[in-house]
PDB file of N, CA and C in Angstrom:
ATOM      1  N   MET A   1       0.853  -1.189   0.010  1.00  0.00           N
ATOM      2  CA  MET A   1       0.009  -0.004   0.002  1.00  0.00           C
ATOM      3  C   MET A   1       0.885   1.241   0.003  1.00  0.00           C
ATOM      4  N   ARG A   2       0.572   2.195  -0.823  1.00  0.00           N
ATOM      5  CA  ARG A   2       1.372   3.422  -0.945  1.00  0.00           C
ATOM      6  C   ARG A   2       0.764   4.510  -0.103  1.00  0.00           C
ATOM      7  N   LEU A   3       1.594   5.105   0.763  1.00  0.00           N
ATOM      8  CA  LEU A   3       1.154   6.239   1.578  1.00  0.00           C
ATOM      9  C   LEU A   3       1.594   7.524   0.910  1.00  0.00           C
ATOM     10  N   GLY A   4       0.761   8.524   0.936  1.00  0.00           N
ATOM     11  CA  GLY A   4       1.139   9.854   0.446  1.00  0.00           C
ATOM     12  C   GLY A   4       1.983  10.572   1.476  1.00  0.00           C
ATOM     13  N   LEU A   5       2.394  11.794   1.127  1.00  0.00           N
ATOM     14  CA  LEU A   5       3.217  12.600   2.042  1.00  0.00           C
ATOM     15  C   LEU A   5       2.507  12.833   3.374  1.00  0.00           C
ATOM     16  N   VAL A   6       1.236  13.190   3.347  1.00  0.00           N
ATOM     17  CA  VAL A   6       0.509  13.451   4.583  1.00  0.00           C
ATOM     18  C   VAL A   6       0.409  12.186   5.408  1.00  0.00           C
ATOM     19  N   GLY A   7       0.123  11.066   4.784  1.00  0.00           N
ATOM     20  CA  GLY A   7       0.050   9.813   5.517  1.00  0.00           C
ATOM     21  C   GLY A   7       1.369   9.445   6.177  1.00  0.00           C
ATOM     22  N   SER A   8       2.444   9.674   5.475  1.00  0.00           N
ATOM     23  CA  SER A   8       3.784   9.399   6.048  1.00  0.00           C
ATOM     24  C   SER A   8       4.072  10.295   7.212  1.00  0.00           C
ATOM     25  N   ILE A   9       3.726  11.575   7.073  1.00  0.00           N
ATOM     26  CA  ILE A   9       3.973  12.530   8.152  1.00  0.00           C
ATOM     27  C   ILE A   9       3.123  12.178   9.379  1.00  0.00           C
ATOM     28  N   VAL A  10       1.850  11.825   9.150  1.00  0.00           N
ATOM     29  CA  VAL A  10       0.984  11.451  10.259  1.00  0.00           C
ATOM     30  C   VAL A  10       1.523  10.220  10.948  1.00  0.00           C
ATOM     31  N   THR A  11       2.004   9.247  10.206  1.00  0.00           N
ATOM     32  CA  THR A  11       2.538   8.028  10.784  1.00  0.00           C
ATOM     33  C   THR A  11       3.767   8.322  11.635  1.00  0.00           C
ATOM     34  N   VAL A  12       4.697   9.063  11.085  1.00  0.00           N
ATOM     35  CA  VAL A  12       5.939   9.404  11.824  1.00  0.00           C
ATOM     36  C   VAL A  12       5.603  10.231  13.058  1.00  0.00           C
ATOM     37  N   THR A  13       4.755  11.241  12.904  1.00  0.00           N
ATOM     38  CA  THR A  13       4.398  12.109  14.006  1.00  0.00           C
ATOM     39  C   THR A  13       3.705  11.323  15.108  1.00  0.00           C
ATOM     40  N   ALA A  14       2.720  10.509  14.772  1.00  0.00           N
ATOM     41  CA  ALA A  14       2.007   9.742  15.794  1.00  0.00           C
ATOM     42  C   ALA A  14       2.941   8.801  16.516  1.00  0.00           C
ATOM     43  N   ASP A  15       3.853   8.166  15.825  1.00  0.00           N
ATOM     44  CA  ASP A  15       4.790   7.258  16.414  1.00  0.00           C
ATOM     45  C   ASP A  15       5.734   7.978  17.361  1.00  0.00           C
ATOM     46  N   ARG A  16       6.247   9.119  16.944  1.00  0.00           N
ATOM     47  CA  ARG A  16       7.223   9.853  17.773  1.00  0.00           C
ATOM     48  C   ARG A  16       6.556  10.532  18.985  1.00  0.00           C
ATOM     49  N   LEU A  17       5.373  11.084  18.812  1.00  0.00           N
ATOM     50  CA  LEU A  17       4.719  11.811  19.906  1.00  0.00           C
ATOM     51  C   LEU A  17       4.140  10.877  20.954  1.00  0.00           C
ATOM     52  N   THR A  18       3.581   9.777  20.531  1.00  0.00           N
ATOM     53  CA  THR A  18       2.875   8.914  21.471  1.00  0.00           C
ATOM     54  C   THR A  18       3.654   7.644  21.824  1.00  0.00           C
ATOM     55  N   GLY A  19       4.634   7.301  20.991  1.00  0.00           N
ATOM     56  CA  GLY A  19       5.339   6.034  21.221  1.00  0.00           C
ATOM     57  C   GLY A  19       4.532   4.859  20.666  1.00  0.00           C
ATOM     58  N   TRP A  20       3.372   5.117  20.071  1.00  0.00           N
ATOM     59  CA  TRP A  20       2.554   4.057  19.505  1.00  0.00           C
ATOM     60  C   TRP A  20       2.912   3.882  18.055  1.00  0.00           C
ATOM     61  N   SER A  21       2.841   2.663  17.596  1.00  0.00           N
ATOM     62  CA  SER A  21       3.052   2.390  16.181  1.00  0.00           C
ATOM     63  C   SER A  21       1.696   2.463  15.478  1.00  0.00           C
ATOM     64  N   VAL A  22       1.647   3.209  14.391  1.00  0.00           N
ATOM     65  CA  VAL A  22       0.419   3.375  13.630  1.00  0.00           C
ATOM     66  C   VAL A  22       0.595   2.699  12.273  1.00  0.00           C
ATOM     67  N   SER A  23      -0.269   1.772  11.937  1.00  0.00           N
ATOM     68  CA  SER A  23      -0.146   1.115  10.641  1.00  0.00           C
ATOM     69  C   SER A  23      -0.923   1.888   9.587  1.00  0.00           C
ATOM     70  N   ALA A  24      -0.606   1.610   8.330  1.00  0.00           N
ATOM     71  CA  ALA A  24      -1.277   2.277   7.214  1.00  0.00           C
ATOM     72  C   ALA A  24      -2.773   2.002   7.221  1.00  0.00           C
ATOM     73  N   GLN A  25      -3.197   0.865   7.682  1.00  0.00           N
ATOM     74  CA  GLN A  25      -4.611   0.512   7.707  1.00  0.00           C
ATOM     75  C   GLN A  25      -5.411   1.391   8.664  1.00  0.00           C
ATOM     76  N   GLN A  26      -4.747   2.017   9.647  1.00  0.00           N
ATOM     77  CA  GLN A  26      -5.439   2.851  10.611  1.00  0.00           C
ATOM     78  C   GLN A  26      -5.547   4.295  10.176  1.00  0.00           C
ATOM     79  N   LEU A  27      -4.903   4.662   9.056  1.00  0.00           N
ATOM     80  CA  LEU A  27      -4.927   6.014   8.563  1.00  0.00           C
ATOM     81  C   LEU A  27      -6.117   6.230   7.643  1.00  0.00           C
ATOM     82  N   PRO A  28      -6.716   7.412   7.683  1.00  0.00           N
ATOM     83  CA  PRO A  28      -7.804   7.692   6.760  1.00  0.00           C
ATOM     84  C   PRO A  28      -7.295   7.728   5.320  1.00  0.00           C
ATOM     85  N   ALA A  29      -8.144   7.376   4.376  1.00  0.00           N
ATOM     86  CA  ALA A  29      -7.752   7.371   2.975  1.00  0.00           C
ATOM     87  C   ALA A  29      -7.550   8.796   2.453  1.00  0.00           C
ATOM     88  N   VAL A  30      -8.345   9.744   2.972  1.00  0.00           N
ATOM     89  CA  VAL A  30      -8.284  11.128   2.510  1.00  0.00           C
ATOM     90  C   VAL A  30      -8.362  12.055   3.718  1.00  0.00           C
ATOM     91  N   VAL A  31      -7.502  13.067   3.738  1.00  0.00           N
ATOM     92  CA  VAL A  31      -7.556  14.115   4.753  1.00  0.00           C
ATOM     93  C   VAL A  31      -7.819  15.426   4.024  1.00  0.00           C
ATOM     94  N   GLN A  32      -8.849  16.155   4.419  1.00  0.00           N
ATOM     95  CA  GLN A  32      -9.204  17.392   3.741  1.00  0.00           C
ATOM     96  C   GLN A  32      -9.152  18.578   4.703  1.00  0.00           C
ATOM     97  N   ALA A  33      -8.651  19.664   4.203  1.00  0.00           N
ATOM     98  CA  ALA A  33      -8.638  20.905   4.973  1.00  0.00           C
ATOM     99  C   ALA A  33      -8.347  22.032   4.006  1.00  0.00           C
ATOM    100  N   GLN A  34      -8.623  23.251   4.424  1.00  0.00           N
ATOM    101  CA  GLN A  34      -8.267  24.406   3.602  1.00  0.00           C
ATOM    102  C   GLN A  34      -6.875  24.901   3.939  1.00  0.00           C
ATOM    103  N   ARG A  35      -6.347  24.480   5.093  1.00  0.00           N
ATOM    104  CA  ARG A  35      -5.014  24.919   5.508  1.00  0.00           C
ATOM    105  C   ARG A  35      -4.415  23.911   6.497  1.00  0.00           C
ATOM    106  N   PHE A  36      -3.145  23.607   6.292  1.00  0.00           N
ATOM    107  CA  PHE A  36      -2.375  22.800   7.207  1.00  0.00           C
ATOM    108  C   PHE A  36      -1.237  23.646   7.742  1.00  0.00           C
ATOM    109  N   GLU A  37      -0.966  23.543   9.027  1.00  0.00           N
ATOM    110  CA  GLU A  37       0.160  24.282   9.618  1.00  0.00           C
ATOM    111  C   GLU A  37       1.099  23.297  10.302  1.00  0.00           C
ATOM    112  N   LEU A  38       2.371  23.486  10.078  1.00  0.00           N
ATOM    113  CA  LEU A  38       3.412  22.727  10.741  1.00  0.00           C
ATOM    114  C   LEU A  38       3.949  23.615  11.860  1.00  0.00           C
ATOM    115  N   VAL A  39       3.875  23.123  13.100  1.00  0.00           N
ATOM    116  CA  VAL A  39       4.329  23.920  14.252  1.00  0.00           C
ATOM    117  C   VAL A  39       5.460  23.201  14.965  1.00  0.00           C
ATOM    118  N   ASP A  40       6.358  23.979  15.567  1.00  0.00           N
ATOM    119  CA  ASP A  40       7.448  23.383  16.325  1.00  0.00           C
ATOM    120  C   ASP A  40       6.983  23.100  17.746  1.00  0.00           C
ATOM    121  N   THR A  41       7.873  22.649  18.600  1.00  0.00           N
ATOM    122  CA  THR A  41       7.501  22.272  19.966  1.00  0.00           C
ATOM    123  C   THR A  41       7.057  23.459  20.800  1.00  0.00           C
ATOM    124  N   ASP A  42       7.408  24.668  20.391  1.00  0.00           N
ATOM    125  CA  ASP A  42       6.943  25.886  21.107  1.00  0.00           C
ATOM    126  C   ASP A  42       5.613  26.405  20.584  1.00  0.00           C
ATOM    127  N   GLY A  43       5.071  25.760  19.556  1.00  0.00           N
ATOM    128  CA  GLY A  43       3.800  26.187  18.964  1.00  0.00           C
ATOM    129  C   GLY A  43       3.965  27.238  17.889  1.00  0.00           C
ATOM    130  N   THR A  44       5.192  27.535  17.485  1.00  0.00           N
ATOM    131  CA  THR A  44       5.449  28.528  16.427  1.00  0.00           C
ATOM    132  C   THR A  44       5.206  27.871  15.064  1.00  0.00           C
ATOM    133  N   VAL A  45       4.455  28.570  14.221  1.00  0.00           N
ATOM    134  CA  VAL A  45       4.178  28.049  12.868  1.00  0.00           C
ATOM    135  C   VAL A  45       5.475  28.073  12.072  1.00  0.00           C
ATOM    136  N   ARG A  46       5.878  26.921  11.524  1.00  0.00           N
ATOM    137  CA  ARG A  46       7.118  26.806  10.736  1.00  0.00           C
ATOM    138  C   ARG A  46       6.861  26.447   9.300  1.00  0.00           C
ATOM    139  N   GLY A  47       5.637  26.098   8.982  1.00  0.00           N
ATOM    140  CA  GLY A  47       5.293  25.785   7.599  1.00  0.00           C
ATOM    141  C   GLY A  47       3.785  25.882   7.409  1.00  0.00           C
ATOM    142  N   VAL A  48       3.370  26.254   6.191  1.00  0.00           N
ATOM    143  CA  VAL A  48       1.943  26.369   5.882  1.00  0.00           C
ATOM    144  C   VAL A  48       1.698  25.794   4.489  1.00  0.00           C
ATOM    145  N   PHE A  49       0.660  25.009   4.374  1.00  0.00           N
ATOM    146  CA  PHE A  49       0.171  24.540   3.085  1.00  0.00           C
ATOM    147  C   PHE A  49      -1.317  24.855   3.066  1.00  0.00           C
ATOM    148  N   GLY A  50      -1.728  25.744   2.191  1.00  0.00           N
ATOM    149  CA  GLY A  50      -3.109  26.133   2.169  1.00  0.00           C
ATOM    150  C   GLY A  50      -3.483  26.844   0.879  1.00  0.00           C
ATOM    151  N   LEU A  51      -4.566  27.572   0.958  1.00  0.00           N
ATOM    152  CA  LEU A  51      -5.083  28.287  -0.200  1.00  0.00           C
ATOM    153  C   LEU A  51      -5.026  29.784   0.015  1.00  0.00           C
ATOM    154  N   ALA A  52      -4.519  30.498  -0.979  1.00  0.00           N
ATOM    155  CA  ALA A  52      -4.559  31.961  -1.014  1.00  0.00           C
ATOM    156  C   ALA A  52      -5.613  32.345  -2.042  1.00  0.00           C
ATOM    157  N   ASP A  53      -5.859  33.608  -2.234  1.00  0.00           N
ATOM    158  CA  ASP A  53      -6.842  34.070  -3.211  1.00  0.00           C
ATOM    159  C   ASP A  53      -6.544  33.554  -4.615  1.00  0.00           C
ATOM    160  N   SER A  54      -5.245  33.456  -4.959  1.00  0.00           N
ATOM    161  CA  SER A  54      -4.839  33.056  -6.302  1.00  0.00           C
ATOM    162  C   SER A  54      -4.734  31.537  -6.475  1.00  0.00           C
ATOM    163  N   GLY A  55      -4.731  30.785  -5.393  1.00  0.00           N
ATOM    164  CA  GLY A  55      -4.630  29.307  -5.489  1.00  0.00           C
ATOM    165  C   GLY A  55      -3.780  28.734  -4.378  1.00  0.00           C
ATOM    166  N   PRO A  56      -3.260  27.506  -4.573  1.00  0.00           N
ATOM    167  CA  PRO A  56      -2.457  26.833  -3.545  1.00  0.00           C
ATOM    168  C   PRO A  56      -1.201  27.600  -3.189  1.00  0.00           C
ATOM    169  N   LYS A  57      -0.787  27.468  -1.919  1.00  0.00           N
ATOM    170  CA  LYS A  57       0.408  28.136  -1.435  1.00  0.00           C
ATOM    171  C   LYS A  57       1.126  27.209  -0.452  1.00  0.00           C
ATOM    172  N   LEU A  58       2.447  27.194  -0.547  1.00  0.00           N
ATOM    173  CA  LEU A  58       3.301  26.431   0.369  1.00  0.00           C
ATOM    174  C   LEU A  58       4.372  27.374   0.862  1.00  0.00           C
ATOM    175  N   ALA A  59       4.564  27.456   2.177  1.00  0.00           N
ATOM    176  CA  ALA A  59       5.564  28.342   2.750  1.00  0.00           C
ATOM    177  C   ALA A  59       6.301  27.637   3.879  1.00  0.00           C
ATOM    178  N   LEU A  60       7.628  27.788   3.913  1.00  0.00           N
ATOM    179  CA  LEU A  60       8.444  27.295   5.009  1.00  0.00           C
ATOM    180  C   LEU A  60       8.981  28.529   5.735  1.00  0.00           C
ATOM    181  N   VAL A  61       8.857  28.538   7.043  1.00  0.00           N
ATOM    182  CA  VAL A  61       9.068  29.749   7.847  1.00  0.00           C
ATOM    183  C   VAL A  61      10.183  29.482   8.873  1.00  0.00           C
ATOM    184  N   ASP A  62      11.045  30.465   9.097  1.00  0.00           N
ATOM    185  CA  ASP A  62      12.094  30.321  10.116  1.00  0.00           C
ATOM    186  C   ASP A  62      11.491  30.632  11.502  1.00  0.00           C
ATOM    187  N   PRO A  63      12.249  30.398  12.576  1.00  0.00           N
ATOM    188  CA  PRO A  63      11.726  30.619  13.936  1.00  0.00           C
ATOM    189  C   PRO A  63      11.246  32.039  14.219  1.00  0.00           C
ATOM    190  N   SER A  64      11.759  33.028  13.497  1.00  0.00           N
ATOM    191  CA  SER A  64      11.328  34.411  13.737  1.00  0.00           C
ATOM    192  C   SER A  64      10.066  34.778  12.981  1.00  0.00           C
ATOM    193  N   GLY A  65       9.556  33.856  12.165  1.00  0.00           N
ATOM    194  CA  GLY A  65       8.307  34.115  11.404  1.00  0.00           C
ATOM    195  C   GLY A  65       8.562  34.572   9.989  1.00  0.00           C
ATOM    196  N   GLN A  66       9.790  34.665   9.554  1.00  0.00           N
ATOM    197  CA  GLN A  66      10.153  35.066   8.204  1.00  0.00           C
ATOM    198  C   GLN A  66       9.979  33.897   7.222  1.00  0.00           C
ATOM    199  N   VAL A  67       9.221  34.118   6.149  1.00  0.00           N
ATOM    200  CA  VAL A  67       9.076  33.073   5.136  1.00  0.00           C
ATOM    201  C   VAL A  67      10.433  32.969   4.402  1.00  0.00           C
ATOM    202  N   ARG A  68      10.982  31.734   4.389  1.00  0.00           N
ATOM    203  CA  ARG A  68      12.284  31.503   3.761  1.00  0.00           C
ATOM    204  C   ARG A  68      12.150  30.866   2.373  1.00  0.00           C
ATOM    205  N   VAL A  69      11.125  30.067   2.195  1.00  0.00           N
ATOM    206  CA  VAL A  69      10.849  29.447   0.897  1.00  0.00           C
ATOM    207  C   VAL A  69       9.340  29.431   0.715  1.00  0.00           C
ATOM    208  N   GLY A  70       8.915  29.859  -0.463  1.00  0.00           N
ATOM    209  CA  GLY A  70       7.489  29.843  -0.768  1.00  0.00           C
ATOM    210  C   GLY A  70       7.234  29.384  -2.174  1.00  0.00           C
ATOM    211  N   LEU A  71       6.115  28.720  -2.377  1.00  0.00           N
ATOM    212  CA  LEU A  71       5.678  28.332  -3.712  1.00  0.00           C
ATOM    213  C   LEU A  71       4.215  28.768  -3.818  1.00  0.00           C
ATOM    214  N   ASP A  72       3.942  29.668  -4.748  1.00  0.00           N
ATOM    215  CA  ASP A  72       2.607  30.240  -4.880  1.00  0.00           C
ATOM    216  C   ASP A  72       2.086  30.106  -6.294  1.00  0.00           C
ATOM    217  N   GLN A  73       0.791  29.870  -6.421  1.00  0.00           N
ATOM    218  CA  GLN A  73       0.164  29.923  -7.725  1.00  0.00           C
ATOM    219  C   GLN A  73      -0.230  31.364  -8.018  1.00  0.00           C
ATOM    220  N   THR A  74       0.106  31.842  -9.219  1.00  0.00           N
ATOM    221  CA  THR A  74      -0.257  33.205  -9.575  1.00  0.00           C
ATOM    222  C   THR A  74      -1.681  33.257 -10.108  1.00  0.00           C
ATOM    223  N   VAL A  75      -2.228  34.450 -10.304  1.00  0.00           N
ATOM    224  CA  VAL A  75      -3.571  34.599 -10.847  1.00  0.00           C
ATOM    225  C   VAL A  75      -3.659  34.045 -12.261  1.00  0.00           C
ATOM    226  N   GLU A  76      -2.513  33.990 -12.958  1.00  0.00           N
ATOM    227  CA  GLU A  76      -2.489  33.447 -14.325  1.00  0.00           C
ATOM    228  C   GLU A  76      -2.470  31.919 -14.313  1.00  0.00           C
ATOM    229  N   GLY A  77      -2.282  31.312 -13.153  1.00  0.00           N
ATOM    230  CA  GLY A  77      -2.258  29.853 -13.048  1.00  0.00           C
ATOM    231  C   GLY A  77      -0.893  29.241 -13.068  1.00  0.00           C
ATOM    232  N   THR A  78       0.162  30.057 -13.221  1.00  0.00           N
ATOM    233  CA  THR A  78       1.513  29.548 -13.171  1.00  0.00           C
ATOM    234  C   THR A  78       1.990  29.568 -11.711  1.00  0.00           C
ATOM    235  N   TYR A  79       3.161  29.018 -11.463  1.00  0.00           N
ATOM    236  CA  TYR A  79       3.702  28.995 -10.100  1.00  0.00           C
ATOM    237  C   TYR A  79       4.987  29.790 -10.036  1.00  0.00           C
ATOM    238  N   GLU A  80       5.211  30.406  -8.887  1.00  0.00           N
ATOM    239  CA  GLU A  80       6.485  31.102  -8.685  1.00  0.00           C
ATOM    240  C   GLU A  80       7.069  30.723  -7.317  1.00  0.00           C
ATOM    241  N   ILE A  81       8.385  30.624  -7.328  1.00  0.00           N
ATOM    242  CA  ILE A  81       9.125  30.299  -6.098  1.00  0.00           C
ATOM    243  C   ILE A  81       9.613  31.604  -5.486  1.00  0.00           C
ATOM    244  N   GLN A  82       9.407  31.730  -4.193  1.00  0.00           N
ATOM    245  CA  GLN A  82       9.835  32.954  -3.517  1.00  0.00           C
ATOM    246  C   GLN A  82      10.970  32.645  -2.584  1.00  0.00           C
TER     247      GLN A  82
END
């Protein structure tokens, strides 16, 4: 069975945080949201995958809140790296 990126992250996170082993059969087939946030142990947002007005957006953020890498869809439908 092939796990997607989110499934792999959920598996690794659940295993590390709880000490429990999570099998692929226990994961939902689809996870839906308008925004996902990656937070560090202090609760600081370090990454975002979500929707902006122009389309999908991915941002990786340093500890001070500065976006260091971004991938955005433009209003024309192309993508740009920031």
